[in-house]
ModelCIF file with pLDDT and N, C-alpha, C, O atoms, coordinates in Angstrom:
data_MODEL
#
_entry.id   MODEL 
#
_entity.id                         1 
_entity.type                       polymer 
_entity.pdbx_number_of_molecules   1 
#
_entity_poly.entity_id                      1 
_entity_poly.type                           'polypeptide(L)' 
_entity_poly.nstd_linkage                   no 
_entity_poly.nstd_monomer                   no 
_entity_poly.pdbx_seq_one_letter_code       HAILEYLARCFPVCTSSDEFHFFPQIPPGNTHWSRWDDFSEESISA 
_entity_poly.pdbx_seq_one_letter_code_can   HAILEYLARCFPVCTSSDEFHFFPQIPPGNTHWSRWDDFSEESISA 
_entity_poly.pdbx_strand_id                 A 
#
loop_
_entity_poly_seq.entity_id 
_entity_poly_seq.num 
_entity_poly_seq.mon_id 
_entity_poly_seq.hetero 
1 1  HIS n 
1 2  ALA n 
1 3  ILE n 
1 4  LEU n 
1 5  GLU n 
1 6  TYR n 
1 7  LEU n 
1 8  ALA n 
1 9  ARG n 
1 10 CYS n 
1 11 PHE n 
1 12 PRO n 
1 13 VAL n 
1 14 CYS n 
1 15 THR n 
1 16 SER n 
1 17 SER n 
1 18 ASP n 
1 19 GLU n 
1 20 PHE n 
1 21 HIS n 
1 22 PHE n 
1 23 PHE n 
1 24 PRO n 
1 25 GLN n 
1 26 ILE n 
1 27 PRO n 
1 28 PRO n 
1 29 GLY n 
1 30 ASN n 
1 31 THR n 
1 32 HIS n 
1 33 TRP n 
1 34 SER n 
1 35 ARG n 
1 36 TRP n 
1 37 ASP n 
1 38 ASP n 
1 39 PHE n 
1 40 SER n 
1 41 GLU n 
1 42 GLU n 
1 43 SER n 
1 44 ILE n 
1 45 SER n 
1 46 ALA n 
#
_struct_asym.id          A 
_struct_asym.entity_id   1 
#
loop_
_ma_qa_metric.id 
_ma_qa_metric.mode 
_ma_qa_metric.name 
_ma_qa_metric.software_group_id 
_ma_qa_metric.type 
1 global pLDDT . pLDDT 
2 local  pLDDT . pLDDT 
#
_ma_qa_metric_global.metric_id      1 
_ma_qa_metric_global.metric_value   90.17 
_ma_qa_metric_global.model_id       1 
_ma_qa_metric_global.ordinal_id     1 
#
loop_
_ma_qa_metric_local.label_asym_id 
_ma_qa_metric_local.label_comp_id 
_ma_qa_metric_local.label_seq_id 
_ma_qa_metric_local.metric_id 
_ma_qa_metric_local.metric_value 
_ma_qa_metric_local.model_id 
_ma_qa_metric_local.ordinal_id 
A HIS 1  2 90.00 1 1  
A ALA 2  2 91.00 1 2  
A ILE 3  2 92.00 1 3  
A LEU 4  2 91.00 1 4  
A GLU 5  2 92.00 1 5  
A TYR 6  2 94.00 1 6  
A LEU 7  2 94.00 1 7  
A ALA 8  2 93.00 1 8  
A ARG 9  2 93.00 1 9  
A CYS 10 2 94.00 1 10 
A PHE 11 2 95.00 1 11 
A PRO 12 2 94.00 1 12 
A VAL 13 2 94.00 1 13 
A CYS 14 2 93.00 1 14 
A THR 15 2 93.00 1 15 
A SER 16 2 89.00 1 16 
A SER 17 2 87.00 1 17 
A ASP 18 2 82.00 1 18 
A GLU 19 2 83.00 1 19 
A PHE 20 2 87.00 1 20 
A HIS 21 2 83.00 1 21 
A PHE 22 2 86.00 1 22 
A PHE 23 2 91.00 1 23 
A PRO 24 2 89.00 1 24 
A GLN 25 2 87.00 1 25 
A ILE 26 2 85.00 1 26 
A PRO 27 2 78.00 1 27 
A PRO 28 2 73.00 1 28 
A GLY 29 2 73.00 1 29 
A ASN 30 2 76.00 1 30 
A THR 31 2 82.00 1 31 
A HIS 32 2 90.00 1 32 
A TRP 33 2 95.00 1 33 
A SER 34 2 94.00 1 34 
A ARG 35 2 94.00 1 35 
A TRP 36 2 97.00 1 36 
A ASP 37 2 97.00 1 37 
A ASP 38 2 97.00 1 38 
A PHE 39 2 96.00 1 39 
A SER 40 2 96.00 1 40 
A GLU 41 2 94.00 1 41 
A GLU 42 2 96.00 1 42 
A SER 43 2 95.00 1 43 
A ILE 44 2 94.00 1 44 
A SER 45 2 94.00 1 45 
A ALA 46 2 95.00 1 46 
#
loop_
_atom_site.group_PDB 
_atom_site.id 
_atom_site.type_symbol 
_atom_site.label_atom_id 
_atom_site.label_alt_id 
_atom_site.label_comp_id 
_atom_site.label_asym_id 
_atom_site.label_entity_id 
_atom_site.label_seq_id 
_atom_site.pdbx_PDB_ins_code 
_atom_site.Cartn_x 
_atom_site.Cartn_y 
_atom_site.Cartn_z 
_atom_site.occupancy 
_atom_site.B_iso_or_equiv 
_atom_site.pdbx_formal_charge 
_atom_site.auth_seq_id 
_atom_site.auth_comp_id 
_atom_site.auth_asym_id 
_atom_site.auth_atom_id 
_atom_site.pdbx_PDB_model_num 
ATOM 1   N N  . HIS A 1 1  ? -138.553 -138.820 123.387 1.00 90.00 ? 1  HIS A N  1 
ATOM 2   C CA . HIS A 1 1  ? -139.678 -139.631 123.876 1.00 90.00 ? 1  HIS A CA 1 
ATOM 3   C C  . HIS A 1 1  ? -139.818 -140.914 123.067 1.00 90.00 ? 1  HIS A C  1 
ATOM 4   O O  . HIS A 1 1  ? -140.102 -141.974 123.623 1.00 90.00 ? 1  HIS A O  1 
ATOM 5   N N  . ALA A 1 2  ? -139.619 -140.820 121.749 1.00 91.00 ? 2  ALA A N  1 
ATOM 6   C CA . ALA A 1 2  ? -139.719 -142.007 120.901 1.00 91.00 ? 2  ALA A CA 1 
ATOM 7   C C  . ALA A 1 2  ? -138.648 -143.031 121.265 1.00 91.00 ? 2  ALA A C  1 
ATOM 8   O O  . ALA A 1 2  ? -138.917 -144.232 121.286 1.00 91.00 ? 2  ALA A O  1 
ATOM 9   N N  . ILE A 1 3  ? -137.446 -142.565 121.548 1.00 92.00 ? 3  ILE A N  1 
ATOM 10  C CA . ILE A 1 3  ? -136.355 -143.462 121.926 1.00 92.00 ? 3  ILE A CA 1 
ATOM 11  C C  . ILE A 1 3  ? -136.658 -144.143 123.257 1.00 92.00 ? 3  ILE A C  1 
ATOM 12  O O  . ILE A 1 3  ? -136.498 -145.356 123.394 1.00 92.00 ? 3  ILE A O  1 
ATOM 13  N N  . LEU A 1 4  ? -137.096 -143.355 124.232 1.00 91.00 ? 4  LEU A N  1 
ATOM 14  C CA . LEU A 1 4  ? -137.380 -143.921 125.547 1.00 91.00 ? 4  LEU A CA 1 
ATOM 15  C C  . LEU A 1 4  ? -138.537 -144.916 125.491 1.00 91.00 ? 4  LEU A C  1 
ATOM 16  O O  . LEU A 1 4  ? -138.500 -145.945 126.166 1.00 91.00 ? 4  LEU A O  1 
ATOM 17  N N  . GLU A 1 5  ? -139.553 -144.622 124.701 1.00 92.00 ? 5  GLU A N  1 
ATOM 18  C CA . GLU A 1 5  ? -140.676 -145.546 124.564 1.00 92.00 ? 5  GLU A CA 1 
ATOM 19  C C  . GLU A 1 5  ? -140.226 -146.868 123.946 1.00 92.00 ? 5  GLU A C  1 
ATOM 20  O O  . GLU A 1 5  ? -140.669 -147.938 124.364 1.00 92.00 ? 5  GLU A O  1 
ATOM 21  N N  . TYR A 1 6  ? -139.356 -146.789 122.963 1.00 94.00 ? 6  TYR A N  1 
ATOM 22  C CA . TYR A 1 6  ? -138.823 -148.003 122.326 1.00 94.00 ? 6  TYR A CA 1 
ATOM 23  C C  . TYR A 1 6  ? -138.059 -148.853 123.337 1.00 94.00 ? 6  TYR A C  1 
ATOM 24  O O  . TYR A 1 6  ? -138.275 -150.062 123.430 1.00 94.00 ? 6  TYR A O  1 
ATOM 25  N N  . LEU A 1 7  ? -137.168 -148.217 124.091 1.00 94.00 ? 7  LEU A N  1 
ATOM 26  C CA . LEU A 1 7  ? -136.350 -148.946 125.059 1.00 94.00 ? 7  LEU A CA 1 
ATOM 27  C C  . LEU A 1 7  ? -137.206 -149.539 126.178 1.00 94.00 ? 7  LEU A C  1 
ATOM 28  O O  . LEU A 1 7  ? -136.976 -150.670 126.606 1.00 94.00 ? 7  LEU A O  1 
ATOM 29  N N  . ALA A 1 8  ? -138.192 -148.775 126.648 1.00 93.00 ? 8  ALA A N  1 
ATOM 30  C CA . ALA A 1 8  ? -139.063 -149.270 127.717 1.00 93.00 ? 8  ALA A CA 1 
ATOM 31  C C  . ALA A 1 8  ? -139.909 -150.444 127.240 1.00 93.00 ? 8  ALA A C  1 
ATOM 32  O O  . ALA A 1 8  ? -140.210 -151.346 128.022 1.00 93.00 ? 8  ALA A O  1 
ATOM 33  N N  . ARG A 1 9  ? -140.292 -150.443 125.975 1.00 93.00 ? 9  ARG A N  1 
ATOM 34  C CA . ARG A 1 9  ? -141.104 -151.537 125.434 1.00 93.00 ? 9  ARG A CA 1 
ATOM 35  C C  . ARG A 1 9  ? -140.278 -152.811 125.268 1.00 93.00 ? 9  ARG A C  1 
ATOM 36  O O  . ARG A 1 9  ? -140.755 -153.904 125.574 1.00 93.00 ? 9  ARG A O  1 
ATOM 37  N N  . CYS A 1 10 ? -139.046 -152.675 124.785 1.00 94.00 ? 10 CYS A N  1 
ATOM 38  C CA . CYS A 1 10 ? -138.200 -153.853 124.537 1.00 94.00 ? 10 CYS A CA 1 
ATOM 39  C C  . CYS A 1 10 ? -137.480 -154.342 125.800 1.00 94.00 ? 10 CYS A C  1 
ATOM 40  O O  . CYS A 1 10 ? -137.184 -155.531 125.924 1.00 94.00 ? 10 CYS A O  1 
ATOM 41  N N  . PHE A 1 11 ? -137.199 -153.428 126.735 1.00 95.00 ? 11 PHE A N  1 
ATOM 42  C CA . PHE A 1 11 ? -136.420 -153.778 127.923 1.00 95.00 ? 11 PHE A CA 1 
ATOM 43  C C  . PHE A 1 11 ? -137.101 -153.186 129.167 1.00 95.00 ? 11 PHE A C  1 
ATOM 44  O O  . PHE A 1 11 ? -136.553 -152.286 129.803 1.00 95.00 ? 11 PHE A O  1 
ATOM 45  N N  . PRO A 1 12 ? -138.284 -153.687 129.510 1.00 94.00 ? 12 PRO A N  1 
ATOM 46  C CA . PRO A 1 12 ? -139.070 -153.061 130.585 1.00 94.00 ? 12 PRO A CA 1 
ATOM 47  C C  . PRO A 1 12 ? -138.418 -153.131 131.957 1.00 94.00 ? 12 PRO A C  1 
ATOM 48  O O  . PRO A 1 12 ? -138.576 -152.207 132.755 1.00 94.00 ? 12 PRO A O  1 
ATOM 49  N N  . VAL A 1 13 ? -137.688 -154.208 132.255 1.00 94.00 ? 13 VAL A N  1 
ATOM 50  C CA . VAL A 1 13 ? -137.069 -154.316 133.586 1.00 94.00 ? 13 VAL A CA 1 
ATOM 51  C C  . VAL A 1 13 ? -135.785 -153.500 133.650 1.00 94.00 ? 13 VAL A C  1 
ATOM 52  O O  . VAL A 1 13 ? -135.562 -152.771 134.616 1.00 94.00 ? 13 VAL A O  1 
ATOM 53  N N  . CYS A 1 14 ? -134.946 -153.616 132.637 1.00 93.00 ? 14 CYS A N  1 
ATOM 54  C CA . CYS A 1 14 ? -133.678 -152.880 132.637 1.00 93.00 ? 14 CYS A CA 1 
ATOM 55  C C  . CYS A 1 14 ? -133.892 -151.381 132.716 1.00 93.00 ? 14 CYS A C  1 
ATOM 56  O O  . CYS A 1 14 ? -133.106 -150.677 133.349 1.00 93.00 ? 14 CYS A O  1 
ATOM 57  N N  . THR A 1 15 ? -134.946 -150.880 132.081 1.00 93.00 ? 15 THR A N  1 
ATOM 58  C CA . THR A 1 15 ? -135.184 -149.444 132.098 1.00 93.00 ? 15 THR A CA 1 
ATOM 59  C C  . THR A 1 15 ? -135.969 -148.987 133.327 1.00 93.00 ? 15 THR A C  1 
ATOM 60  O O  . THR A 1 15 ? -136.155 -147.788 133.536 1.00 93.00 ? 15 THR A O  1 
ATOM 61  N N  . SER A 1 16 ? -136.428 -149.942 134.141 1.00 89.00 ? 16 SER A N  1 
ATOM 62  C CA . SER A 1 16 ? -137.169 -149.563 135.344 1.00 89.00 ? 16 SER A CA 1 
ATOM 63  C C  . SER A 1 16 ? -136.282 -149.508 136.578 1.00 89.00 ? 16 SER A C  1 
ATOM 64  O O  . SER A 1 16 ? -136.739 -149.100 137.646 1.00 89.00 ? 16 SER A O  1 
ATOM 65  N N  . SER A 1 17 ? -135.016 -149.913 136.449 1.00 87.00 ? 17 SER A N  1 
ATOM 66  C CA . SER A 1 17 ? -134.147 -150.056 137.614 1.00 87.00 ? 17 SER A CA 1 
ATOM 67  C C  . SER A 1 17 ? -132.818 -149.353 137.381 1.00 87.00 ? 17 SER A C  1 
ATOM 68  O O  . SER A 1 17 ? -132.356 -149.248 136.245 1.00 87.00 ? 17 SER A O  1 
ATOM 69  N N  . ASP A 1 18 ? -132.203 -148.868 138.462 1.00 82.00 ? 18 ASP A N  1 
ATOM 70  C CA . ASP A 1 18 ? -130.882 -148.262 138.357 1.00 82.00 ? 18 ASP A CA 1 
ATOM 71  C C  . ASP A 1 18 ? -129.771 -149.309 138.413 1.00 82.00 ? 18 ASP A C  1 
ATOM 72  O O  . ASP A 1 18 ? -128.591 -148.957 138.411 1.00 82.00 ? 18 ASP A O  1 
ATOM 73  N N  . GLU A 1 19 ? -130.134 -150.583 138.464 1.00 83.00 ? 19 GLU A N  1 
ATOM 74  C CA . GLU A 1 19 ? -129.143 -151.657 138.516 1.00 83.00 ? 19 GLU A CA 1 
ATOM 75  C C  . GLU A 1 19 ? -128.388 -151.802 137.192 1.00 83.00 ? 19 GLU A C  1 
ATOM 76  O O  . GLU A 1 19 ? -127.255 -152.283 137.170 1.00 83.00 ? 19 GLU A O  1 
ATOM 77  N N  . PHE A 1 20 ? -129.013 -151.389 136.099 1.00 87.00 ? 20 PHE A N  1 
ATOM 78  C CA . PHE A 1 20 ? -128.424 -151.571 134.765 1.00 87.00 ? 20 PHE A CA 1 
ATOM 79  C C  . PHE A 1 20 ? -128.000 -150.198 134.261 1.00 87.00 ? 20 PHE A C  1 
ATOM 80  O O  . PHE A 1 20 ? -128.762 -149.498 133.595 1.00 87.00 ? 20 PHE A O  1 
ATOM 81  N N  . HIS A 1 21 ? -126.769 -149.831 134.593 1.00 83.00 ? 21 HIS A N  1 
ATOM 82  C CA . HIS A 1 21 ? -126.335 -148.448 134.433 1.00 83.00 ? 21 HIS A CA 1 
ATOM 83  C C  . HIS A 1 21 ? -126.293 -147.984 132.994 1.00 83.00 ? 21 HIS A C  1 
ATOM 84  O O  . HIS A 1 21 ? -126.352 -146.780 132.741 1.00 83.00 ? 21 HIS A O  1 
ATOM 85  N N  . PHE A 1 22 ? -126.193 -148.913 132.024 1.00 86.00 ? 22 PHE A N  1 
ATOM 86  C CA . PHE A 1 22 ? -126.076 -148.486 130.637 1.00 86.00 ? 22 PHE A CA 1 
ATOM 87  C C  . PHE A 1 22 ? -127.440 -148.303 129.971 1.00 86.00 ? 22 PHE A C  1 
ATOM 88  O O  . PHE A 1 22 ? -127.510 -147.918 128.804 1.00 86.00 ? 22 PHE A O  1 
ATOM 89  N N  . PHE A 1 23 ? -128.520 -148.575 130.700 1.00 91.00 ? 23 PHE A N  1 
ATOM 90  C CA . PHE A 1 23 ? -129.859 -148.251 130.217 1.00 91.00 ? 23 PHE A CA 1 
ATOM 91  C C  . PHE A 1 23 ? -130.344 -146.986 130.918 1.00 91.00 ? 23 PHE A C  1 
ATOM 92  O O  . PHE A 1 23 ? -130.115 -146.824 132.116 1.00 91.00 ? 23 PHE A O  1 
ATOM 93  N N  . PRO A 1 24 ? -131.008 -146.092 130.196 1.00 89.00 ? 24 PRO A N  1 
ATOM 94  C CA . PRO A 1 24 ? -131.625 -144.945 130.895 1.00 89.00 ? 24 PRO A CA 1 
ATOM 95  C C  . PRO A 1 24 ? -132.767 -145.431 131.768 1.00 89.00 ? 24 PRO A C  1 
ATOM 96  O O  . PRO A 1 24 ? -133.495 -146.350 131.393 1.00 89.00 ? 24 PRO A O  1 
ATOM 97  N N  . GLN A 1 25 ? -132.926 -144.817 132.931 1.00 87.00 ? 25 GLN A N  1 
ATOM 98  C CA . GLN A 1 25 ? -134.023 -145.196 133.820 1.00 87.00 ? 25 GLN A CA 1 
ATOM 99  C C  . GLN A 1 25 ? -135.262 -144.410 133.420 1.00 87.00 ? 25 GLN A C  1 
ATOM 100 O O  . GLN A 1 25 ? -135.251 -143.179 133.412 1.00 87.00 ? 25 GLN A O  1 
ATOM 101 N N  . ILE A 1 26 ? -136.330 -145.129 133.088 1.00 85.00 ? 26 ILE A N  1 
ATOM 102 C CA . ILE A 1 26 ? -137.509 -144.531 132.487 1.00 85.00 ? 26 ILE A CA 1 
ATOM 103 C C  . ILE A 1 26 ? -138.719 -144.758 133.392 1.00 85.00 ? 26 ILE A C  1 
ATOM 104 O O  . ILE A 1 26 ? -138.958 -145.884 133.829 1.00 85.00 ? 26 ILE A O  1 
ATOM 105 N N  . PRO A 1 27 ? -139.477 -143.710 133.676 1.00 78.00 ? 27 PRO A N  1 
ATOM 106 C CA . PRO A 1 27 ? -140.692 -143.904 134.489 1.00 78.00 ? 27 PRO A CA 1 
ATOM 107 C C  . PRO A 1 27 ? -141.630 -144.910 133.826 1.00 78.00 ? 27 PRO A C  1 
ATOM 108 O O  . PRO A 1 27 ? -141.945 -144.766 132.645 1.00 78.00 ? 27 PRO A O  1 
ATOM 109 N N  . PRO A 1 28 ? -142.082 -145.929 134.567 1.00 73.00 ? 28 PRO A N  1 
ATOM 110 C CA . PRO A 1 28 ? -142.953 -146.938 133.965 1.00 73.00 ? 28 PRO A CA 1 
ATOM 111 C C  . PRO A 1 28 ? -144.308 -146.366 133.604 1.00 73.00 ? 28 PRO A C  1 
ATOM 112 O O  . PRO A 1 28 ? -144.860 -145.532 134.321 1.00 73.00 ? 28 PRO A O  1 
ATOM 113 N N  . GLY A 1 29 ? -144.838 -146.831 132.475 1.00 73.00 ? 29 GLY A N  1 
ATOM 114 C CA . GLY A 1 29 ? -146.176 -146.429 132.077 1.00 73.00 ? 29 GLY A CA 1 
ATOM 115 C C  . GLY A 1 29 ? -147.158 -147.530 132.437 1.00 73.00 ? 29 GLY A C  1 
ATOM 116 O O  . GLY A 1 29 ? -147.194 -147.975 133.584 1.00 73.00 ? 29 GLY A O  1 
ATOM 117 N N  . ASN A 1 30 ? -147.948 -147.971 131.480 1.00 76.00 ? 30 ASN A N  1 
ATOM 118 C CA . ASN A 1 30 ? -148.859 -149.093 131.698 1.00 76.00 ? 30 ASN A CA 1 
ATOM 119 C C  . ASN A 1 30 ? -148.067 -150.389 131.554 1.00 76.00 ? 30 ASN A C  1 
ATOM 120 O O  . ASN A 1 30 ? -147.848 -150.869 130.442 1.00 76.00 ? 30 ASN A O  1 
ATOM 121 N N  . THR A 1 31 ? -147.641 -150.948 132.675 1.00 82.00 ? 31 THR A N  1 
ATOM 122 C CA . THR A 1 31 ? -146.760 -152.110 132.655 1.00 82.00 ? 31 THR A CA 1 
ATOM 123 C C  . THR A 1 31 ? -147.498 -153.356 132.179 1.00 82.00 ? 31 THR A C  1 
ATOM 124 O O  . THR A 1 31 ? -148.561 -153.699 132.697 1.00 82.00 ? 31 THR A O  1 
ATOM 125 N N  . HIS A 1 32 ? -146.920 -154.027 131.186 1.00 90.00 ? 32 HIS A N  1 
ATOM 126 C CA . HIS A 1 32 ? -147.421 -155.324 130.744 1.00 90.00 ? 32 HIS A CA 1 
ATOM 127 C C  . HIS A 1 32 ? -146.615 -156.393 131.490 1.00 90.00 ? 32 HIS A C  1 
ATOM 128 O O  . HIS A 1 32 ? -145.479 -156.693 131.122 1.00 90.00 ? 32 HIS A O  1 
ATOM 129 N N  . TRP A 1 33 ? -147.204 -156.952 132.522 1.00 95.00 ? 33 TRP A N  1 
ATOM 130 C CA . TRP A 1 33 ? -146.459 -157.814 133.432 1.00 95.00 ? 33 TRP A CA 1 
ATOM 131 C C  . TRP A 1 33 ? -146.036 -159.139 132.807 1.00 95.00 ? 33 TRP A C  1 
ATOM 132 O O  . TRP A 1 33 ? -145.178 -159.827 133.360 1.00 95.00 ? 33 TRP A O  1 
ATOM 133 N N  . SER A 1 34 ? -146.605 -159.507 131.689 1.00 94.00 ? 34 SER A N  1 
ATOM 134 C CA . SER A 1 34 ? -146.188 -160.750 131.028 1.00 94.00 ? 34 SER A CA 1 
ATOM 135 C C  . SER A 1 34 ? -144.951 -160.540 130.153 1.00 94.00 ? 34 SER A C  1 
ATOM 136 O O  . SER A 1 34 ? -144.431 -161.494 129.575 1.00 94.00 ? 34 SER A O  1 
ATOM 137 N N  . ARG A 1 35 ? -144.489 -159.317 130.056 1.00 94.00 ? 35 ARG A N  1 
ATOM 138 C CA . ARG A 1 35 ? -143.373 -158.994 129.159 1.00 94.00 ? 35 ARG A CA 1 
ATOM 139 C C  . ARG A 1 35 ? -142.058 -158.924 129.928 1.00 94.00 ? 35 ARG A C  1 
ATOM 140 O O  . ARG A 1 35 ? -141.954 -158.248 130.952 1.00 94.00 ? 35 ARG A O  1 
ATOM 141 N N  . TRP A 1 36 ? -141.060 -159.636 129.417 1.00 97.00 ? 36 TRP A N  1 
ATOM 142 C CA . TRP A 1 36 ? -139.696 -159.562 129.933 1.00 97.00 ? 36 TRP A CA 1 
ATOM 143 C C  . TRP A 1 36 ? -138.806 -158.896 128.887 1.00 97.00 ? 36 TRP A C  1 
ATOM 144 O O  . TRP A 1 36 ? -139.219 -158.716 127.741 1.00 97.00 ? 36 TRP A O  1 
ATOM 145 N N  . ASP A 1 37 ? -137.610 -158.540 129.270 1.00 97.00 ? 37 ASP A N  1 
ATOM 146 C CA . ASP A 1 37 ? -136.661 -157.904 128.363 1.00 97.00 ? 37 ASP A CA 1 
ATOM 147 C C  . ASP A 1 37 ? -136.260 -158.878 127.254 1.00 97.00 ? 37 ASP A C  1 
ATOM 148 O O  . ASP A 1 37 ? -136.035 -160.063 127.502 1.00 97.00 ? 37 ASP A O  1 
ATOM 149 N N  . ASP A 1 38 ? -136.178 -158.368 126.054 1.00 97.00 ? 38 ASP A N  1 
ATOM 150 C CA . ASP A 1 38 ? -135.938 -159.197 124.870 1.00 97.00 ? 38 ASP A CA 1 
ATOM 151 C C  . ASP A 1 38 ? -134.489 -159.062 124.410 1.00 97.00 ? 38 ASP A C  1 
ATOM 152 O O  . ASP A 1 38 ? -134.104 -158.058 123.811 1.00 97.00 ? 38 ASP A O  1 
ATOM 153 N N  . PHE A 1 39 ? -133.689 -160.095 124.702 1.00 96.00 ? 39 PHE A N  1 
ATOM 154 C CA . PHE A 1 39 ? -132.293 -160.108 124.270 1.00 96.00 ? 39 PHE A CA 1 
ATOM 155 C C  . PHE A 1 39 ? -132.071 -161.156 123.184 1.00 96.00 ? 39 PHE A C  1 
ATOM 156 O O  . PHE A 1 39 ? -130.989 -161.734 123.080 1.00 96.00 ? 39 PHE A O  1 
ATOM 157 N N  . SER A 1 40 ? -133.091 -161.391 122.386 1.00 96.00 ? 40 SER A N  1 
ATOM 158 C CA . SER A 1 40 ? -132.936 -162.298 121.251 1.00 96.00 ? 40 SER A CA 1 
ATOM 159 C C  . SER A 1 40 ? -132.013 -161.666 120.219 1.00 96.00 ? 40 SER A C  1 
ATOM 160 O O  . SER A 1 40 ? -131.791 -160.455 120.227 1.00 96.00 ? 40 SER A O  1 
ATOM 161 N N  . GLU A 1 41 ? -131.486 -162.487 119.342 1.00 94.00 ? 41 GLU A N  1 
ATOM 162 C CA . GLU A 1 41 ? -130.580 -161.986 118.307 1.00 94.00 ? 41 GLU A CA 1 
ATOM 163 C C  . GLU A 1 41 ? -131.273 -160.921 117.451 1.00 94.00 ? 41 GLU A C  1 
ATOM 164 O O  . GLU A 1 41 ? -130.664 -159.921 117.073 1.00 94.00 ? 41 GLU A O  1 
ATOM 165 N N  . GLU A 1 42 ? -132.558 -161.153 117.152 1.00 96.00 ? 42 GLU A N  1 
ATOM 166 C CA . GLU A 1 42 ? -133.300 -160.191 116.339 1.00 96.00 ? 42 GLU A CA 1 
ATOM 167 C C  . GLU A 1 42 ? -133.460 -158.856 117.063 1.00 96.00 ? 42 GLU A C  1 
ATOM 168 O O  . GLU A 1 42 ? -133.323 -157.795 116.454 1.00 96.00 ? 42 GLU A O  1 
ATOM 169 N N  . SER A 1 43 ? -133.751 -158.910 118.370 1.00 95.00 ? 43 SER A N  1 
ATOM 170 C CA . SER A 1 43 ? -133.931 -157.697 119.143 1.00 95.00 ? 43 SER A CA 1 
ATOM 171 C C  . SER A 1 43 ? -132.634 -156.908 119.259 1.00 95.00 ? 43 SER A C  1 
ATOM 172 O O  . SER A 1 43 ? -132.637 -155.685 119.126 1.00 95.00 ? 43 SER A O  1 
ATOM 173 N N  . ILE A 1 44 ? -131.522 -157.603 119.507 1.00 94.00 ? 44 ILE A N  1 
ATOM 174 C CA . ILE A 1 44 ? -130.228 -156.934 119.630 1.00 94.00 ? 44 ILE A CA 1 
ATOM 175 C C  . ILE A 1 44 ? -129.825 -156.289 118.309 1.00 94.00 ? 44 ILE A C  1 
ATOM 176 O O  . ILE A 1 44 ? -129.326 -155.164 118.284 1.00 94.00 ? 44 ILE A O  1 
ATOM 177 N N  . SER A 1 45 ? -130.046 -157.013 117.210 1.00 94.00 ? 45 SER A N  1 
ATOM 178 C CA . SER A 1 45 ? -129.726 -156.459 115.890 1.00 94.00 ? 45 SER A CA 1 
ATOM 179 C C  . SER A 1 45 ? -130.567 -155.228 115.599 1.00 94.00 ? 45 SER A C  1 
ATOM 180 O O  . SER A 1 45 ? -130.064 -154.235 115.072 1.00 94.00 ? 45 SER A O  1 
ATOM 181 N N  . ALA A 1 46 ? -131.854 -155.292 115.943 1.00 95.00 ? 46 ALA A N  1 
ATOM 182 C CA . ALA A 1 46 ? -132.737 -154.149 115.714 1.00 95.00 ? 46 ALA A CA 1 
ATOM 183 C C  . ALA A 1 46 ? -132.328 -152.958 116.564 1.00 95.00 ? 46 ALA A C  1 
ATOM 184 O O  . ALA A 1 46 ? -132.963 -151.906 116.499 1.00 95.00 ? 46 ALA A O  1 
#
């Protein structure tokens, strides 16, 4: 659950769709619509 919550928080669109096969598909919780997936260098490193 901790892993899925982390991925859903950092990558909300990728984890909501089956289009991105290398992300697990996670049931959406309280969606923050102003948030997009974070592919910054810091996010990828983390």
